[in-house]
Amino acid sequence: MGIVKINDELHEEVRKASTAMVRSINAQAEFWIKVGMLAETNPGMTFTEIMRSELKNANVALASLAHE
């Protein structure tokens, strides 16, 4: 585990987003970092495609939820 130093303005945006997304500040920052890494390594994928892929990789039953 390490410490990531970010500027105060970005920290405030992470804090606000974490409240809206019901995540801790650290969890929100980790989410944005992971999504950013996935976006950089998969430039042809949209955010929605990345999320769908990650949920599928986690064995989330997306098809069964779509029918409710």
PDB file of N, CA and C in Angstrom:
ATOM      1  N   MET A   1       0.860  -1.169   0.000  1.00  0.00           N
ATOM      2  CA  MET A   1       0.000   0.000   0.000  1.00  0.00           C
ATOM      3  C   MET A   1       0.900   1.224   0.000  1.00  0.00           C
ATOM      4  N   GLY A   2       0.473   2.244  -0.683  1.00  0.00           N
ATOM      5  CA  GLY A   2       1.250   3.469  -0.745  1.00  0.00           C
ATOM      6  C   GLY A   2       0.367   4.688  -0.599  1.00  0.00           C
ATOM      7  N   ILE A   3       1.001   5.813  -0.683  1.00  0.00           N
ATOM      8  CA  ILE A   3       0.294   7.086  -0.595  1.00  0.00           C
ATOM      9  C   ILE A   3       0.391   7.769  -1.951  1.00  0.00           C
ATOM     10  N   VAL A   4      -0.734   8.251  -2.443  1.00  0.00           N
ATOM     11  CA  VAL A   4      -0.774   8.991  -3.696  1.00  0.00           C
ATOM     12  C   VAL A   4      -1.087  10.432  -3.349  1.00  0.00           C
ATOM     13  N   LYS A   5      -0.225  11.329  -3.774  1.00  0.00           N
ATOM     14  CA  LYS A   5      -0.444  12.748  -3.493  1.00  0.00           C
ATOM     15  C   LYS A   5      -1.182  13.375  -4.674  1.00  0.00           C
ATOM     16  N   ILE A   6      -2.327  13.994  -4.384  1.00  0.00           N
ATOM     17  CA  ILE A   6      -3.094  14.700  -5.410  1.00  0.00           C
ATOM     18  C   ILE A   6      -3.368  16.112  -4.913  1.00  0.00           C
ATOM     19  N   ASN A   7      -3.650  17.011  -5.855  1.00  0.00           N
ATOM     20  CA  ASN A   7      -3.897  18.396  -5.441  1.00  0.00           C
ATOM     21  C   ASN A   7      -5.249  18.529  -4.745  1.00  0.00           C
ATOM     22  N   ASP A   8      -5.410  19.621  -4.044  1.00  0.00           N
ATOM     23  CA  ASP A   8      -6.612  19.838  -3.233  1.00  0.00           C
ATOM     24  C   ASP A   8      -7.887  19.873  -4.065  1.00  0.00           C
ATOM     25  N   GLU A   9      -7.826  20.446  -5.266  1.00  0.00           N
ATOM     26  CA  GLU A   9      -9.018  20.531  -6.113  1.00  0.00           C
ATOM     27  C   GLU A   9      -9.480  19.140  -6.538  1.00  0.00           C
ATOM     28  N   LEU A  10      -8.543  18.280  -6.939  1.00  0.00           N
ATOM     29  CA  LEU A  10      -8.904  16.924  -7.341  1.00  0.00           C
ATOM     30  C   LEU A  10      -9.422  16.137  -6.143  1.00  0.00           C
ATOM     31  N   HIS A  11      -8.807  16.314  -4.996  1.00  0.00           N
ATOM     32  CA  HIS A  11      -9.282  15.633  -3.789  1.00  0.00           C
ATOM     33  C   HIS A  11     -10.727  16.026  -3.476  1.00  0.00           C
ATOM     34  N   GLU A  12     -11.049  17.289  -3.640  1.00  0.00           N
ATOM     35  CA  GLU A  12     -12.423  17.744  -3.390  1.00  0.00           C
ATOM     36  C   GLU A  12     -13.403  17.106  -4.372  1.00  0.00           C
ATOM     37  N   GLU A  13     -12.997  16.969  -5.638  1.00  0.00           N
ATOM     38  CA  GLU A  13     -13.866  16.310  -6.626  1.00  0.00           C
ATOM     39  C   GLU A  13     -14.057  14.839  -6.285  1.00  0.00           C
ATOM     40  N   VAL A  14     -12.993  14.181  -5.830  1.00  0.00           N
ATOM     41  CA  VAL A  14     -13.103  12.782  -5.414  1.00  0.00           C
ATOM     42  C   VAL A  14     -14.052  12.683  -4.222  1.00  0.00           C
ATOM     43  N   ARG A  15     -13.925  13.595  -3.273  1.00  0.00           N
ATOM     44  CA  ARG A  15     -14.792  13.587  -2.092  1.00  0.00           C
ATOM     45  C   ARG A  15     -16.255  13.743  -2.490  1.00  0.00           C
ATOM     46  N   LYS A  16     -16.543  14.707  -3.379  1.00  0.00           N
ATOM     47  CA  LYS A  16     -17.932  14.925  -3.808  1.00  0.00           C
ATOM     48  C   LYS A  16     -18.469  13.710  -4.561  1.00  0.00           C
ATOM     49  N   ALA A  17     -17.657  13.157  -5.447  1.00  0.00           N
ATOM     50  CA  ALA A  17     -18.081  11.986  -6.214  1.00  0.00           C
ATOM     51  C   ALA A  17     -18.305  10.791  -5.296  1.00  0.00           C
ATOM     52  N   SER A  18     -17.450  10.641  -4.291  1.00  0.00           N
ATOM     53  CA  SER A  18     -17.603   9.507  -3.373  1.00  0.00           C
ATOM     54  C   SER A  18     -18.916   9.587  -2.616  1.00  0.00           C
ATOM     55  N   THR A  19     -19.349  10.779  -2.282  1.00  0.00           N
ATOM     56  CA  THR A  19     -20.638  10.959  -1.609  1.00  0.00           C
ATOM     57  C   THR A  19     -21.780  10.565  -2.539  1.00  0.00           C
ATOM     58  N   ALA A  20     -21.722  11.034  -3.769  1.00  0.00           N
ATOM     59  CA  ALA A  20     -22.774  10.734  -4.741  1.00  0.00           C
ATOM     60  C   ALA A  20     -22.828   9.252  -5.082  1.00  0.00           C
ATOM     61  N   MET A  21     -21.674   8.599  -5.129  1.00  0.00           N
ATOM     62  CA  MET A  21     -21.600   7.193  -5.524  1.00  0.00           C
ATOM     63  C   MET A  21     -21.626   6.233  -4.335  1.00  0.00           C
ATOM     64  N   VAL A  22     -21.786   6.771  -3.127  1.00  0.00           N
ATOM     65  CA  VAL A  22     -21.851   5.993  -1.890  1.00  0.00           C
ATOM     66  C   VAL A  22     -20.626   5.080  -1.755  1.00  0.00           C
ATOM     67  N   ARG A  23     -19.468   5.698  -1.938  1.00  0.00           N
ATOM     68  CA  ARG A  23     -18.193   5.009  -1.771  1.00  0.00           C
ATOM     69  C   ARG A  23     -17.352   5.832  -0.815  1.00  0.00           C
ATOM     70  N   SER A  24     -16.344   5.199  -0.237  1.00  0.00           N
ATOM     71  CA  SER A  24     -15.376   5.971   0.533  1.00  0.00           C
ATOM     72  C   SER A  24     -14.543   6.798  -0.441  1.00  0.00           C
ATOM     73  N   ILE A  25     -13.854   7.786   0.061  1.00  0.00           N
ATOM     74  CA  ILE A  25     -12.985   8.593  -0.794  1.00  0.00           C
ATOM     75  C   ILE A  25     -11.930   7.702  -1.443  1.00  0.00           C
ATOM     76  N   ASN A  26     -11.331   6.808  -0.663  1.00  0.00           N
ATOM     77  CA  ASN A  26     -10.316   5.910  -1.228  1.00  0.00           C
ATOM     78  C   ASN A  26     -10.901   4.987  -2.283  1.00  0.00           C
ATOM     79  N   ALA A  27     -12.094   4.448  -2.036  1.00  0.00           N
ATOM     80  CA  ALA A  27     -12.723   3.561  -3.007  1.00  0.00           C
ATOM     81  C   ALA A  27     -13.046   4.304  -4.305  1.00  0.00           C
ATOM     82  N   GLN A  28     -13.474   5.563  -4.199  1.00  0.00           N
ATOM     83  CA  GLN A  28     -13.758   6.352  -5.392  1.00  0.00           C
ATOM     84  C   GLN A  28     -12.485   6.603  -6.184  1.00  0.00           C
ATOM     85  N   ALA A  29     -11.413   6.971  -5.482  1.00  0.00           N
ATOM     86  CA  ALA A  29     -10.132   7.200  -6.158  1.00  0.00           C
ATOM     87  C   ALA A  29      -9.651   5.913  -6.832  1.00  0.00           C
ATOM     88  N   GLU A  30      -9.750   4.779  -6.142  1.00  0.00           N
ATOM     89  CA  GLU A  30      -9.345   3.500  -6.721  1.00  0.00           C
ATOM     90  C   GLU A  30     -10.183   3.174  -7.956  1.00  0.00           C
ATOM     91  N   PHE A  31     -11.481   3.441  -7.887  1.00  0.00           N
ATOM     92  CA  PHE A  31     -12.363   3.180  -9.029  1.00  0.00           C
ATOM     93  C   PHE A  31     -11.924   4.002 -10.235  1.00  0.00           C
ATOM     94  N   TRP A  32     -11.705   5.306 -10.029  1.00  0.00           N
ATOM     95  CA  TRP A  32     -11.279   6.165 -11.135  1.00  0.00           C
ATOM     96  C   TRP A  32      -9.921   5.742 -11.685  1.00  0.00           C
ATOM     97  N   ILE A  33      -9.007   5.341 -10.821  1.00  0.00           N
ATOM     98  CA  ILE A  33      -7.695   4.885 -11.285  1.00  0.00           C
ATOM     99  C   ILE A  33      -7.848   3.626 -12.127  1.00  0.00           C
ATOM    100  N   LYS A  34      -8.633   2.662 -11.637  1.00  0.00           N
ATOM    101  CA  LYS A  34      -8.816   1.419 -12.379  1.00  0.00           C
ATOM    102  C   LYS A  34      -9.487   1.671 -13.724  1.00  0.00           C
ATOM    103  N   VAL A  35     -10.546   2.472 -13.732  1.00  0.00           N
ATOM    104  CA  VAL A  35     -11.239   2.769 -14.992  1.00  0.00           C
ATOM    105  C   VAL A  35     -10.295   3.490 -15.959  1.00  0.00           C
ATOM    106  N   GLY A  36      -9.505   4.399 -15.438  1.00  0.00           N
ATOM    107  CA  GLY A  36      -8.537   5.103 -16.281  1.00  0.00           C
ATOM    108  C   GLY A  36      -7.524   4.162 -16.894  1.00  0.00           C
ATOM    109  N   MET A  37      -7.020   3.220 -16.093  1.00  0.00           N
ATOM    110  CA  MET A  37      -6.072   2.238 -16.609  1.00  0.00           C
ATOM    111  C   MET A  37      -6.719   1.365 -17.680  1.00  0.00           C
ATOM    112  N   LEU A  38      -7.956   0.923 -17.419  1.00  0.00           N
ATOM    113  CA  LEU A  38      -8.663   0.103 -18.397  1.00  0.00           C
ATOM    114  C   LEU A  38      -8.937   0.883 -19.676  1.00  0.00           C
ATOM    115  N   ALA A  39      -9.280   2.160 -19.550  1.00  0.00           N
ATOM    116  CA  ALA A  39      -9.545   2.989 -20.726  1.00  0.00           C
ATOM    117  C   ALA A  39      -8.272   3.180 -21.550  1.00  0.00           C
ATOM    118  N   GLU A  40      -7.156   3.400 -20.879  1.00  0.00           N
ATOM    119  CA  GLU A  40      -5.891   3.582 -21.601  1.00  0.00           C
ATOM    120  C   GLU A  40      -5.449   2.305 -22.311  1.00  0.00           C
ATOM    121  N   THR A  41      -5.706   1.152 -21.711  1.00  0.00           N
ATOM    122  CA  THR A  41      -5.275  -0.105 -22.325  1.00  0.00           C
ATOM    123  C   THR A  41      -6.307  -0.683 -23.285  1.00  0.00           C
ATOM    124  N   ASN A  42      -7.498  -0.089 -23.325  1.00  0.00           N
ATOM    125  CA  ASN A  42      -8.569  -0.513 -24.235  1.00  0.00           C
ATOM    126  C   ASN A  42      -9.190   0.716 -24.894  1.00  0.00           C
ATOM    127  N   PRO A  43      -8.420   1.446 -25.696  1.00  0.00           N
ATOM    128  CA  PRO A  43      -8.908   2.726 -26.224  1.00  0.00           C
ATOM    129  C   PRO A  43     -10.128   2.621 -27.136  1.00  0.00           C
ATOM    130  N   GLY A  44     -10.418   1.451 -27.638  1.00  0.00           N
ATOM    131  CA  GLY A  44     -11.583   1.296 -28.513  1.00  0.00           C
ATOM    132  C   GLY A  44     -12.869   1.019 -27.763  1.00  0.00           C
ATOM    133  N   MET A  45     -12.796   0.880 -26.438  1.00  0.00           N
ATOM    134  CA  MET A  45     -13.987   0.565 -25.650  1.00  0.00           C
ATOM    135  C   MET A  45     -14.561   1.814 -25.008  1.00  0.00           C
ATOM    136  N   THR A  46     -15.884   1.870 -24.945  1.00  0.00           N
ATOM    137  CA  THR A  46     -16.550   2.954 -24.238  1.00  0.00           C
ATOM    138  C   THR A  46     -16.557   2.631 -22.743  1.00  0.00           C
ATOM    139  N   PHE A  47     -16.917   3.610 -21.929  1.00  0.00           N
ATOM    140  CA  PHE A  47     -17.038   3.385 -20.493  1.00  0.00           C
ATOM    141  C   PHE A  47     -18.027   2.257 -20.210  1.00  0.00           C
ATOM    142  N   THR A  48     -19.163   2.275 -20.894  1.00  0.00           N
ATOM    143  CA  THR A  48     -20.182   1.250 -20.689  1.00  0.00           C
ATOM    144  C   THR A  48     -19.647  -0.132 -21.041  1.00  0.00           C
ATOM    145  N   GLU A  49     -18.906  -0.235 -22.122  1.00  0.00           N
ATOM    146  CA  GLU A  49     -18.321  -1.522 -22.504  1.00  0.00           C
ATOM    147  C   GLU A  49     -17.303  -2.002 -21.467  1.00  0.00           C
ATOM    148  N   ILE A  50     -16.522  -1.086 -20.944  1.00  0.00           N
ATOM    149  CA  ILE A  50     -15.552  -1.438 -19.907  1.00  0.00           C
ATOM    150  C   ILE A  50     -16.279  -1.947 -18.672  1.00  0.00           C
ATOM    151  N   MET A  51     -17.314  -1.237 -18.243  1.00  0.00           N
ATOM    152  CA  MET A  51     -18.061  -1.661 -17.059  1.00  0.00           C
ATOM    153  C   MET A  51     -18.735  -3.015 -17.280  1.00  0.00           C
ATOM    154  N   ARG A  52     -19.322  -3.210 -18.451  1.00  0.00           N
ATOM    155  CA  ARG A  52     -19.964  -4.487 -18.762  1.00  0.00           C
ATOM    156  C   ARG A  52     -18.940  -5.616 -18.715  1.00  0.00           C
ATOM    157  N   SER A  53     -17.770  -5.389 -19.272  1.00  0.00           N
ATOM    158  CA  SER A  53     -16.703  -6.390 -19.262  1.00  0.00           C
ATOM    159  C   SER A  53     -16.250  -6.712 -17.840  1.00  0.00           C
ATOM    160  N   GLU A  54     -16.067  -5.693 -17.022  1.00  0.00           N
ATOM    161  CA  GLU A  54     -15.636  -5.906 -15.637  1.00  0.00           C
ATOM    162  C   GLU A  54     -16.689  -6.662 -14.841  1.00  0.00           C
ATOM    163  N   LEU A  55     -17.959  -6.327 -15.042  1.00  0.00           N
ATOM    164  CA  LEU A  55     -19.032  -7.032 -14.347  1.00  0.00           C
ATOM    165  C   LEU A  55     -19.110  -8.487 -14.798  1.00  0.00           C
ATOM    166  N   LYS A  56     -18.935  -8.720 -16.094  1.00  0.00           N
ATOM    167  CA  LYS A  56     -18.929 -10.087 -16.615  1.00  0.00           C
ATOM    168  C   LYS A  56     -17.763 -10.866 -16.021  1.00  0.00           C
ATOM    169  N   ASN A  57     -16.580 -10.241 -15.959  1.00  0.00           N
ATOM    170  CA  ASN A  57     -15.408 -10.903 -15.375  1.00  0.00           C
ATOM    171  C   ASN A  57     -15.622 -11.240 -13.900  1.00  0.00           C
ATOM    172  N   ALA A  58     -16.477 -10.486 -13.232  1.00  0.00           N
ATOM    173  CA  ALA A  58     -16.786 -10.726 -11.808  1.00  0.00           C
ATOM    174  C   ALA A  58     -17.974 -11.679 -11.654  1.00  0.00           C
ATOM    175  N   ASN A  59     -18.435 -12.257 -12.777  1.00  0.00           N
ATOM    176  CA  ASN A  59     -19.558 -13.196 -12.780  1.00  0.00           C
ATOM    177  C   ASN A  59     -20.859 -12.591 -12.264  1.00  0.00           C
ATOM    178  N   VAL A  60     -21.081 -11.317 -12.544  1.00  0.00           N
ATOM    179  CA  VAL A  60     -22.351 -10.681 -12.214  1.00  0.00           C
ATOM    180  C   VAL A  60     -23.346 -11.085 -13.309  1.00  0.00           C
ATOM    181  N   ALA A  61     -24.518 -11.581 -12.914  1.00  0.00           N
ATOM    182  CA  ALA A  61     -25.516 -12.091 -13.854  1.00  0.00           C
ATOM    183  C   ALA A  61     -26.300 -10.929 -14.458  1.00  0.00           C
ATOM    184  N   LEU A  62     -25.706 -10.263 -15.426  1.00  0.00           N
ATOM    185  CA  LEU A  62     -26.337  -9.091 -16.035  1.00  0.00           C
ATOM    186  C   LEU A  62     -27.605  -9.450 -16.800  1.00  0.00           C
ATOM    187  N   ALA A  63     -27.616 -10.563 -17.485  1.00  0.00           N
ATOM    188  CA  ALA A  63     -28.779 -10.936 -18.303  1.00  0.00           C
ATOM    189  C   ALA A  63     -30.011 -11.141 -17.441  1.00  0.00           C
ATOM    190  N   SER A  64     -29.862 -11.756 -16.277  1.00  0.00           N
ATOM    191  CA  SER A  64     -31.024 -12.007 -15.440  1.00  0.00           C
ATOM    192  C   SER A  64     -31.576 -10.713 -14.851  1.00  0.00           C
ATOM    193  N   LEU A  65     -30.731  -9.722 -14.633  1.00  0.00           N
ATOM    194  CA  LEU A  65     -31.195  -8.456 -14.101  1.00  0.00           C
ATOM    195  C   LEU A  65     -31.931  -7.632 -15.155  1.00  0.00           C
ATOM    196  N   ALA A  66     -31.588  -7.802 -16.406  1.00  0.00           N
ATOM    197  CA  ALA A  66     -32.195  -7.033 -17.487  1.00  0.00           C
ATOM    198  C   ALA A  66     -33.677  -7.408 -17.666  1.00  0.00           C
ATOM    199  N   HIS A  67     -34.082  -8.569 -17.217  1.00  0.00           N
ATOM    200  CA  HIS A  67     -35.458  -9.008 -17.415  1.00  0.00           C
ATOM    201  C   HIS A  67     -36.387  -8.628 -16.276  1.00  0.00           C
ATOM    202  N   GLU A  68     -35.871  -7.991 -15.244  1.00  0.00           N
ATOM    203  CA  GLU A  68     -36.712  -7.618 -14.104  1.00  0.00           C
ATOM    204  C   GLU A  68     -37.416  -6.319 -14.346  1.00  0.00           C
TER     205      GLU A  68
END
